[in-house]
Amino acid sequence: MVKRRSLQEDTVALKTKVKESSAKSENPEGNPDIRSLRKRLKRAQRKVRLVKQKEMARTAKKAGDGK
């Protein structure tokens, strides 16, 4: 079984791919490959934000229970 990358590692890799592809392409806005990479990047960023929100809510709930 293959070890999965963390969300942060995935977003960093996608950011570099998008930058490299955009630099190579003469029309990055019209390129469907770059568009799909950007979509994947946005999806990964949403997941990271969601995980952070859940973590903050969990720690806040723990702090509130201690009182």
N, C-alpha and C. Protein backbone atom coordinates (compact mmCIF):
# COMPACT_ATOMS: atom_id res chain seq x y z
N MET A 1 0.84 -1.17 0.00
CA MET A 1 0.00 0.00 0.00
C MET A 1 0.89 1.25 0.00
N VAL A 2 0.48 2.24 -0.73
CA VAL A 2 1.24 3.47 -0.88
C VAL A 2 0.89 4.43 0.25
N LYS A 3 1.91 5.07 0.81
CA LYS A 3 1.69 6.05 1.86
C LYS A 3 1.17 7.34 1.22
N ARG A 4 0.11 7.88 1.78
CA ARG A 4 -0.48 9.11 1.24
C ARG A 4 0.25 10.33 1.77
N ARG A 5 0.27 11.35 0.95
CA ARG A 5 0.88 12.61 1.38
C ARG A 5 -0.10 13.37 2.26
N SER A 6 0.45 14.22 3.11
CA SER A 6 -0.42 15.06 3.93
C SER A 6 -1.02 16.15 3.05
N LEU A 7 -2.04 16.80 3.55
CA LEU A 7 -2.70 17.85 2.78
C LEU A 7 -1.75 19.01 2.49
N GLN A 8 -0.90 19.34 3.47
CA GLN A 8 0.03 20.44 3.26
C GLN A 8 1.04 20.09 2.17
N GLU A 9 1.54 18.87 2.19
CA GLU A 9 2.50 18.46 1.16
C GLU A 9 1.84 18.47 -0.22
N ASP A 10 0.58 18.06 -0.26
CA ASP A 10 -0.14 18.03 -1.51
C ASP A 10 -0.36 19.44 -2.06
N THR A 11 -0.72 20.38 -1.20
CA THR A 11 -0.94 21.75 -1.67
C THR A 11 0.36 22.39 -2.15
N VAL A 12 1.46 22.11 -1.46
CA VAL A 12 2.74 22.67 -1.89
C VAL A 12 3.13 22.13 -3.26
N ALA A 13 2.95 20.83 -3.45
CA ALA A 13 3.28 20.21 -4.74
C ALA A 13 2.41 20.77 -5.85
N LEU A 14 1.12 20.94 -5.57
CA LEU A 14 0.22 21.49 -6.58
C LEU A 14 0.55 22.94 -6.92
N LYS A 15 0.93 23.73 -5.90
CA LYS A 15 1.31 25.12 -6.16
C LYS A 15 2.50 25.19 -7.10
N THR A 16 3.50 24.35 -6.86
CA THR A 16 4.69 24.37 -7.72
C THR A 16 4.34 23.91 -9.13
N LYS A 17 3.47 22.91 -9.25
CA LYS A 17 3.06 22.44 -10.58
C LYS A 17 2.34 23.54 -11.35
N VAL A 18 1.46 24.26 -10.65
CA VAL A 18 0.71 25.34 -11.30
C VAL A 18 1.66 26.44 -11.75
N LYS A 19 2.60 26.82 -10.90
CA LYS A 19 3.55 27.88 -11.27
C LYS A 19 4.40 27.46 -12.46
N GLU A 20 4.91 26.23 -12.44
CA GLU A 20 5.76 25.77 -13.54
C GLU A 20 4.97 25.69 -14.84
N SER A 21 3.77 25.15 -14.77
CA SER A 21 2.96 25.01 -15.97
C SER A 21 2.55 26.36 -16.53
N SER A 22 2.23 27.30 -15.64
CA SER A 22 1.84 28.63 -16.09
C SER A 22 3.00 29.35 -16.76
N ALA A 23 4.20 29.14 -16.23
CA ALA A 23 5.38 29.79 -16.81
C ALA A 23 5.69 29.23 -18.19
N LYS A 24 5.47 27.94 -18.38
CA LYS A 24 5.76 27.29 -19.66
C LYS A 24 4.74 27.64 -20.74
N SER A 25 3.49 27.81 -20.33
CA SER A 25 2.41 28.00 -21.29
C SER A 25 2.35 29.45 -21.75
N GLU A 26 2.01 29.63 -23.01
CA GLU A 26 1.86 30.99 -23.53
C GLU A 26 0.48 31.56 -23.20
N ASN A 27 -0.52 30.69 -23.00
CA ASN A 27 -1.86 31.12 -22.64
C ASN A 27 -2.35 30.28 -21.46
N PRO A 28 -1.92 30.60 -20.24
CA PRO A 28 -2.29 29.77 -19.09
C PRO A 28 -3.78 29.78 -18.77
N GLU A 29 -4.48 30.85 -19.14
CA GLU A 29 -5.92 30.93 -18.83
C GLU A 29 -6.73 29.96 -19.68
N GLY A 30 -6.29 29.71 -20.90
CA GLY A 30 -7.04 28.85 -21.80
C GLY A 30 -6.60 27.40 -21.79
N ASN A 31 -5.58 27.09 -21.01
CA ASN A 31 -5.04 25.74 -20.98
C ASN A 31 -5.87 24.86 -20.03
N PRO A 32 -6.48 23.79 -20.54
CA PRO A 32 -7.32 22.95 -19.68
C PRO A 32 -6.51 22.18 -18.63
N ASP A 33 -5.25 21.85 -18.92
CA ASP A 33 -4.44 21.14 -17.94
C ASP A 33 -4.14 22.01 -16.72
N ILE A 34 -3.82 23.27 -16.98
CA ILE A 34 -3.55 24.19 -15.87
C ILE A 34 -4.83 24.47 -15.09
N ARG A 35 -5.92 24.53 -15.81
CA ARG A 35 -7.21 24.77 -15.14
C ARG A 35 -7.54 23.62 -14.19
N SER A 36 -7.29 22.40 -14.62
CA SER A 36 -7.58 21.26 -13.74
C SER A 36 -6.64 21.24 -12.54
N LEU A 37 -5.37 21.64 -12.75
CA LEU A 37 -4.44 21.73 -11.63
C LEU A 37 -4.91 22.77 -10.62
N ARG A 38 -5.38 23.90 -11.12
CA ARG A 38 -5.87 24.95 -10.22
C ARG A 38 -7.09 24.47 -9.44
N LYS A 39 -7.96 23.72 -10.10
CA LYS A 39 -9.13 23.17 -9.42
C LYS A 39 -8.71 22.23 -8.30
N ARG A 40 -7.75 21.36 -8.59
CA ARG A 40 -7.25 20.44 -7.57
C ARG A 40 -6.61 21.19 -6.41
N LEU A 41 -5.89 22.27 -6.73
CA LEU A 41 -5.26 23.08 -5.70
C LEU A 41 -6.31 23.72 -4.81
N LYS A 42 -7.34 24.29 -5.40
CA LYS A 42 -8.40 24.94 -4.62
C LYS A 42 -9.11 23.92 -3.74
N ARG A 43 -9.34 22.73 -4.27
CA ARG A 43 -9.98 21.67 -3.51
C ARG A 43 -9.14 21.29 -2.28
N ALA A 44 -7.84 21.15 -2.51
CA ALA A 44 -6.93 20.79 -1.42
C ALA A 44 -6.87 21.90 -0.37
N GLN A 45 -6.86 23.16 -0.82
CA GLN A 45 -6.83 24.28 0.11
C GLN A 45 -8.10 24.34 0.95
N ARG A 46 -9.25 24.02 0.34
CA ARG A 46 -10.50 23.96 1.09
C ARG A 46 -10.45 22.90 2.17
N LYS A 47 -9.88 21.75 1.82
CA LYS A 47 -9.75 20.66 2.80
C LYS A 47 -8.86 21.08 3.96
N VAL A 48 -7.77 21.77 3.67
CA VAL A 48 -6.85 22.22 4.73
C VAL A 48 -7.57 23.20 5.65
N ARG A 49 -8.31 24.14 5.06
CA ARG A 49 -9.05 25.11 5.87
C ARG A 49 -10.09 24.41 6.75
N LEU A 50 -10.77 23.41 6.20
CA LEU A 50 -11.78 22.68 6.96
C LEU A 50 -11.16 21.93 8.13
N VAL A 51 -10.02 21.30 7.90
CA VAL A 51 -9.34 20.57 8.97
C VAL A 51 -8.90 21.53 10.07
N LYS A 52 -8.39 22.70 9.69
CA LYS A 52 -7.97 23.69 10.69
C LYS A 52 -9.15 24.18 11.51
N GLN A 53 -10.29 24.42 10.84
CA GLN A 53 -11.48 24.86 11.56
C GLN A 53 -11.95 23.81 12.56
N LYS A 54 -11.94 22.55 12.14
CA LYS A 54 -12.35 21.48 13.04
C LYS A 54 -11.41 21.37 14.23
N GLU A 55 -10.12 21.51 13.98
CA GLU A 55 -9.14 21.45 15.06
C GLU A 55 -9.34 22.59 16.06
N MET A 56 -9.58 23.80 15.54
CA MET A 56 -9.80 24.95 16.43
C MET A 56 -11.07 24.76 17.25
N ALA A 57 -12.12 24.24 16.63
CA ALA A 57 -13.37 24.02 17.34
C ALA A 57 -13.18 22.95 18.42
N ARG A 58 -12.41 21.92 18.10
CA ARG A 58 -12.17 20.84 19.06
C ARG A 58 -11.40 21.35 20.27
N THR A 59 -10.37 22.18 20.03
CA THR A 59 -9.58 22.71 21.15
C THR A 59 -10.40 23.71 21.96
N ALA A 60 -11.24 24.49 21.32
CA ALA A 60 -12.09 25.44 22.04
C ALA A 60 -13.10 24.71 22.90
N LYS A 61 -13.63 23.61 22.39
CA LYS A 61 -14.60 22.83 23.14
C LYS A 61 -13.93 22.19 24.37
N LYS A 62 -12.69 21.70 24.19
CA LYS A 62 -11.97 21.11 25.31
C LYS A 62 -11.69 22.15 26.38
N ALA A 63 -11.31 23.36 25.96
CA ALA A 63 -11.03 24.43 26.91
C ALA A 63 -12.29 24.84 27.66
N GLY A 64 -13.42 24.83 26.98
CA GLY A 64 -14.69 25.19 27.61
C GLY A 64 -15.17 24.13 28.58
N ASP A 65 -14.87 22.86 28.33
CA ASP A 65 -15.31 21.78 29.21
C ASP A 65 -14.54 21.77 30.51
N GLY A 66 -13.33 22.29 30.52
CA GLY A 66 -12.49 22.25 31.70
C GLY A 66 -12.96 23.18 32.81
N LYS A 67 -13.80 24.13 32.50
CA LYS A 67 -14.24 25.12 33.50
C LYS A 67 -15.30 24.61 34.40
